[in-house]
């Protein structure tokens, strides 16, 4: 007999002002989502953004020294191809 994985869900109770709830309901309706799914997605999105903004990047001492040298060094002009791709005029250094 195959075992089925059980999905654990925990209910969360929240309080909203009527005007906030109206905005949430309108947004959910526009996306064709239930209020619960809309709020769940919004909460997950903001949680992921918060975690991404707090990410620590670990590098070797040598790489960190190279990074500091690059940001402390003189500004290097962009290659012509990069300027073309940006679609704007950049004054030469």
N, C-alpha and C. Protein backbone atom coordinates (compact mmCIF):
# COMPACT_ATOMS: atom_id res chain seq x y z
N UNK A 1 0.84 -1.18 0.00
CA UNK A 1 0.00 0.00 0.00
C UNK A 1 0.89 1.25 0.00
N UNK A 2 0.65 2.17 -0.91
CA UNK A 2 1.44 3.39 -1.02
C UNK A 2 1.03 4.38 0.07
N UNK A 3 2.04 5.02 0.66
CA UNK A 3 1.75 6.04 1.68
C UNK A 3 1.51 7.38 1.01
N UNK A 4 0.53 8.08 1.48
CA UNK A 4 0.26 9.42 0.97
C UNK A 4 0.88 10.44 1.92
N UNK A 5 1.55 11.41 1.35
CA UNK A 5 2.11 12.49 2.17
C UNK A 5 0.96 13.38 2.62
N UNK A 6 0.91 13.65 3.90
CA UNK A 6 -0.14 14.53 4.41
C UNK A 6 0.35 15.97 4.36
N UNK A 7 -0.52 16.82 3.95
CA UNK A 7 -0.19 18.24 3.85
C UNK A 7 -0.68 18.93 5.11
N UNK A 8 0.23 19.55 5.81
CA UNK A 8 -0.13 20.21 7.05
C UNK A 8 -0.40 21.68 6.78
N UNK A 9 -1.53 22.12 7.17
CA UNK A 9 -1.90 23.52 7.04
C UNK A 9 -2.29 24.05 8.41
N UNK A 10 -1.87 25.25 8.70
CA UNK A 10 -2.18 25.88 9.97
C UNK A 10 -3.01 27.13 9.71
N UNK A 11 -4.18 27.20 10.31
CA UNK A 11 -5.00 28.40 10.11
C UNK A 11 -4.36 29.61 10.80
N UNK A 12 -4.51 30.77 10.16
CA UNK A 12 -4.00 32.02 10.71
C UNK A 12 -5.16 33.00 10.74
N UNK A 13 -5.36 33.61 11.89
CA UNK A 13 -6.45 34.57 12.04
C UNK A 13 -5.86 35.98 11.99
N UNK A 14 -6.49 36.85 11.22
CA UNK A 14 -6.00 38.22 11.08
C UNK A 14 -7.17 39.19 11.20
N UNK A 15 -6.85 40.39 11.63
CA UNK A 15 -7.85 41.45 11.71
C UNK A 15 -7.47 42.55 10.72
N UNK A 16 -8.48 43.03 9.98
CA UNK A 16 -8.26 44.09 9.00
C UNK A 16 -9.30 45.18 9.20
N UNK A 17 -8.91 46.40 8.91
CA UNK A 17 -9.89 47.49 8.86
C UNK A 17 -10.75 47.26 7.62
N UNK A 18 -11.97 47.75 7.66
CA UNK A 18 -12.89 47.56 6.54
C UNK A 18 -12.32 48.12 5.23
N UNK A 19 -11.69 49.30 5.29
CA UNK A 19 -11.16 49.89 4.06
C UNK A 19 -9.99 49.08 3.51
N UNK A 20 -9.15 48.52 4.39
CA UNK A 20 -8.06 47.66 3.93
C UNK A 20 -8.60 46.38 3.30
N UNK A 21 -9.62 45.82 3.92
CA UNK A 21 -10.22 44.59 3.42
C UNK A 21 -10.86 44.80 2.04
N UNK A 22 -11.42 45.98 1.83
CA UNK A 22 -12.02 46.28 0.53
C UNK A 22 -10.95 46.30 -0.55
N UNK A 23 -9.78 46.86 -0.24
CA UNK A 23 -8.68 46.90 -1.21
C UNK A 23 -8.19 45.49 -1.49
N UNK A 24 -8.03 44.69 -0.44
CA UNK A 24 -7.58 43.31 -0.60
C UNK A 24 -8.57 42.52 -1.44
N UNK A 25 -9.85 42.67 -1.14
CA UNK A 25 -10.87 41.94 -1.90
C UNK A 25 -10.88 42.35 -3.37
N UNK A 26 -10.69 43.63 -3.63
CA UNK A 26 -10.66 44.11 -5.02
C UNK A 26 -9.46 43.53 -5.76
N UNK A 27 -8.29 43.56 -5.12
CA UNK A 27 -7.10 42.98 -5.74
C UNK A 27 -7.25 41.50 -5.99
N UNK A 28 -7.82 40.78 -5.02
CA UNK A 28 -8.03 39.34 -5.18
C UNK A 28 -8.99 39.07 -6.33
N UNK A 29 -10.05 39.85 -6.42
CA UNK A 29 -11.03 39.66 -7.50
C UNK A 29 -10.40 39.91 -8.86
N UNK A 30 -9.57 40.93 -8.96
CA UNK A 30 -8.92 41.24 -10.23
C UNK A 30 -8.02 40.11 -10.71
N UNK A 31 -7.45 39.37 -9.76
CA UNK A 31 -6.59 38.24 -10.12
C UNK A 31 -7.32 36.92 -10.14
N UNK A 32 -8.60 36.94 -9.80
CA UNK A 32 -9.37 35.71 -9.77
C UNK A 32 -8.97 34.78 -8.63
N UNK A 33 -8.56 35.37 -7.52
CA UNK A 33 -8.11 34.59 -6.38
C UNK A 33 -9.06 34.78 -5.20
N UNK A 34 -9.05 33.81 -4.32
CA UNK A 34 -9.79 33.98 -3.07
C UNK A 34 -9.02 34.97 -2.20
N UNK A 35 -9.69 35.53 -1.22
CA UNK A 35 -9.03 36.44 -0.30
C UNK A 35 -7.86 35.73 0.38
N UNK A 36 -8.09 34.51 0.82
CA UNK A 36 -7.04 33.75 1.51
C UNK A 36 -5.82 33.55 0.63
N UNK A 37 -6.04 33.13 -0.61
CA UNK A 37 -4.91 32.89 -1.52
C UNK A 37 -4.18 34.19 -1.84
N UNK A 38 -4.93 35.27 -2.01
CA UNK A 38 -4.33 36.57 -2.31
C UNK A 38 -3.44 37.02 -1.16
N UNK A 39 -3.94 36.94 0.06
CA UNK A 39 -3.17 37.36 1.24
C UNK A 39 -1.98 36.42 1.45
N UNK A 40 -2.17 35.11 1.24
CA UNK A 40 -1.07 34.16 1.39
C UNK A 40 0.06 34.49 0.42
N UNK A 41 -0.30 34.74 -0.85
CA UNK A 41 0.73 35.06 -1.85
C UNK A 41 1.45 36.37 -1.51
N UNK A 42 0.68 37.37 -1.09
CA UNK A 42 1.28 38.66 -0.75
C UNK A 42 2.23 38.52 0.44
N UNK A 43 1.83 37.75 1.44
CA UNK A 43 2.68 37.56 2.61
C UNK A 43 3.95 36.81 2.24
N UNK A 44 3.83 35.77 1.43
CA UNK A 44 5.00 35.01 1.00
C UNK A 44 5.95 35.88 0.18
N UNK A 45 5.38 36.68 -0.71
CA UNK A 45 6.19 37.56 -1.55
C UNK A 45 6.99 38.52 -0.70
N UNK A 46 6.35 39.18 0.26
CA UNK A 46 7.05 40.13 1.10
C UNK A 46 8.09 39.45 1.99
N UNK A 47 7.78 38.24 2.47
CA UNK A 47 8.74 37.50 3.29
C UNK A 47 9.97 37.14 2.47
N UNK A 48 9.77 36.71 1.22
CA UNK A 48 10.89 36.36 0.35
C UNK A 48 11.74 37.59 0.04
N UNK A 49 11.09 38.73 -0.21
CA UNK A 49 11.84 39.97 -0.46
C UNK A 49 12.67 40.36 0.75
N UNK A 50 12.09 40.24 1.93
CA UNK A 50 12.82 40.58 3.15
C UNK A 50 14.05 39.69 3.30
N UNK A 51 13.89 38.41 3.02
CA UNK A 51 15.03 37.49 3.13
C UNK A 51 16.09 37.78 2.07
N UNK A 52 15.65 38.08 0.84
CA UNK A 52 16.61 38.39 -0.22
C UNK A 52 17.39 39.66 0.08
N UNK A 53 16.73 40.64 0.70
CA UNK A 53 17.40 41.89 1.03
C UNK A 53 18.37 41.74 2.19
N UNK A 54 18.30 40.65 2.91
CA UNK A 54 19.18 40.43 4.06
C UNK A 54 20.22 39.34 3.80
N UNK A 55 20.37 38.94 2.54
CA UNK A 55 21.30 37.87 2.21
C UNK A 55 22.74 38.30 2.45
N UNK A 56 23.49 37.45 3.07
CA UNK A 56 24.90 37.69 3.30
C UNK A 56 25.68 36.91 2.25
N UNK A 57 26.60 37.57 1.60
CA UNK A 57 27.44 36.92 0.60
C UNK A 57 28.81 36.71 1.23
N UNK A 58 29.24 35.48 1.25
CA UNK A 58 30.55 35.15 1.83
C UNK A 58 31.55 34.94 0.69
N UNK A 59 32.67 35.64 0.79
CA UNK A 59 33.72 35.51 -0.21
C UNK A 59 35.06 35.37 0.51
N UNK A 60 36.04 34.94 -0.25
CA UNK A 60 37.39 34.80 0.31
C UNK A 60 37.98 36.19 0.56
N UNK A 61 39.03 36.22 1.36
CA UNK A 61 39.72 37.49 1.64
C UNK A 61 40.24 38.12 0.35
N UNK A 62 40.73 37.28 -0.54
CA UNK A 62 41.27 37.78 -1.82
C UNK A 62 40.16 38.40 -2.67
N UNK A 63 39.04 37.74 -2.76
CA UNK A 63 37.92 38.27 -3.54
C UNK A 63 37.41 39.57 -2.94
N UNK A 64 37.35 39.64 -1.60
CA UNK A 64 36.90 40.86 -0.94
C UNK A 64 37.87 42.00 -1.21
N UNK A 65 39.15 41.72 -1.19
CA UNK A 65 40.16 42.74 -1.48
C UNK A 65 40.00 43.24 -2.93
N UNK A 66 39.74 42.32 -3.85
CA UNK A 66 39.51 42.70 -5.25
C UNK A 66 38.27 43.59 -5.37
N UNK A 67 37.23 43.24 -4.62
CA UNK A 67 35.99 44.03 -4.63
C UNK A 67 36.26 45.44 -4.12
N UNK A 68 36.95 45.55 -2.99
CA UNK A 68 37.26 46.88 -2.45
C UNK A 68 38.11 47.69 -3.41
N UNK A 69 39.07 47.05 -4.06
CA UNK A 69 39.92 47.76 -5.03
C UNK A 69 39.07 48.27 -6.20
N UNK A 70 38.11 47.46 -6.62
CA UNK A 70 37.26 47.86 -7.75
C UNK A 70 36.38 49.05 -7.39
N UNK A 71 35.80 49.06 -6.19
CA UNK A 71 34.92 50.18 -5.85
C UNK A 71 35.70 51.42 -5.43
N UNK A 72 36.94 51.24 -4.97
CA UNK A 72 37.78 52.39 -4.60
C UNK A 72 38.56 52.94 -5.78
N UNK A 73 38.70 52.16 -6.83
CA UNK A 73 39.50 52.55 -7.98
C UNK A 73 38.80 53.56 -8.87
N UNK A 74 39.50 54.00 -9.89
CA UNK A 74 38.92 54.98 -10.82
C UNK A 74 37.78 54.36 -11.62
N UNK A 75 36.88 55.21 -12.03
CA UNK A 75 35.76 54.75 -12.85
C UNK A 75 36.26 54.37 -14.23
N UNK A 76 35.86 53.21 -14.68
CA UNK A 76 36.26 52.75 -16.01
C UNK A 76 35.14 53.10 -16.99
N UNK A 77 35.49 53.63 -18.17
CA UNK A 77 34.45 53.93 -19.15
C UNK A 77 33.79 52.63 -19.64
N UNK A 78 32.53 52.75 -19.97
CA UNK A 78 31.81 51.59 -20.50
C UNK A 78 32.28 51.28 -21.91
N UNK A 79 32.32 50.00 -22.26
CA UNK A 79 32.63 49.65 -23.65
C UNK A 79 31.54 50.19 -24.58
N UNK A 80 31.89 50.45 -25.82
CA UNK A 80 30.94 51.02 -26.78
C UNK A 80 29.69 50.15 -26.91
N UNK A 81 29.88 48.84 -26.89
CA UNK A 81 28.73 47.93 -27.03
C UNK A 81 27.76 48.08 -25.86
N UNK A 82 28.30 48.29 -24.66
CA UNK A 82 27.44 48.48 -23.49
C UNK A 82 26.66 49.77 -23.60
N UNK A 83 27.31 50.82 -24.08
CA UNK A 83 26.63 52.10 -24.26
C UNK A 83 25.51 51.95 -25.28
N UNK A 84 25.80 51.23 -26.35
CA UNK A 84 24.79 50.99 -27.38
C UNK A 84 23.60 50.23 -26.81
N UNK A 85 23.87 49.22 -26.00
CA UNK A 85 22.81 48.40 -25.41
C UNK A 85 21.96 49.21 -24.43
N UNK A 86 22.59 50.14 -23.74
CA UNK A 86 21.84 50.96 -22.79
C UNK A 86 20.91 51.94 -23.51
N UNK A 87 21.25 52.26 -24.74
CA UNK A 87 20.40 53.15 -25.52
C UNK A 87 20.41 54.57 -25.03
N UNK A 88 21.52 54.98 -24.46
CA UNK A 88 21.60 56.36 -24.00
C UNK A 88 23.01 56.87 -24.26
N UNK A 89 23.16 58.18 -24.22
CA UNK A 89 24.47 58.80 -24.43
C UNK A 89 25.23 58.84 -23.12
N UNK A 90 26.46 58.39 -23.14
CA UNK A 90 27.32 58.46 -21.97
C UNK A 90 28.55 59.24 -22.38
N UNK A 91 28.89 60.24 -21.59
CA UNK A 91 30.06 61.05 -21.90
C UNK A 91 31.32 60.23 -21.64
N UNK A 92 32.32 60.33 -22.51
CA UNK A 92 33.57 59.60 -22.28
C UNK A 92 34.27 60.13 -21.03
N UNK A 93 34.99 59.25 -20.37
CA UNK A 93 35.69 59.61 -19.14
C UNK A 93 36.90 60.43 -19.42
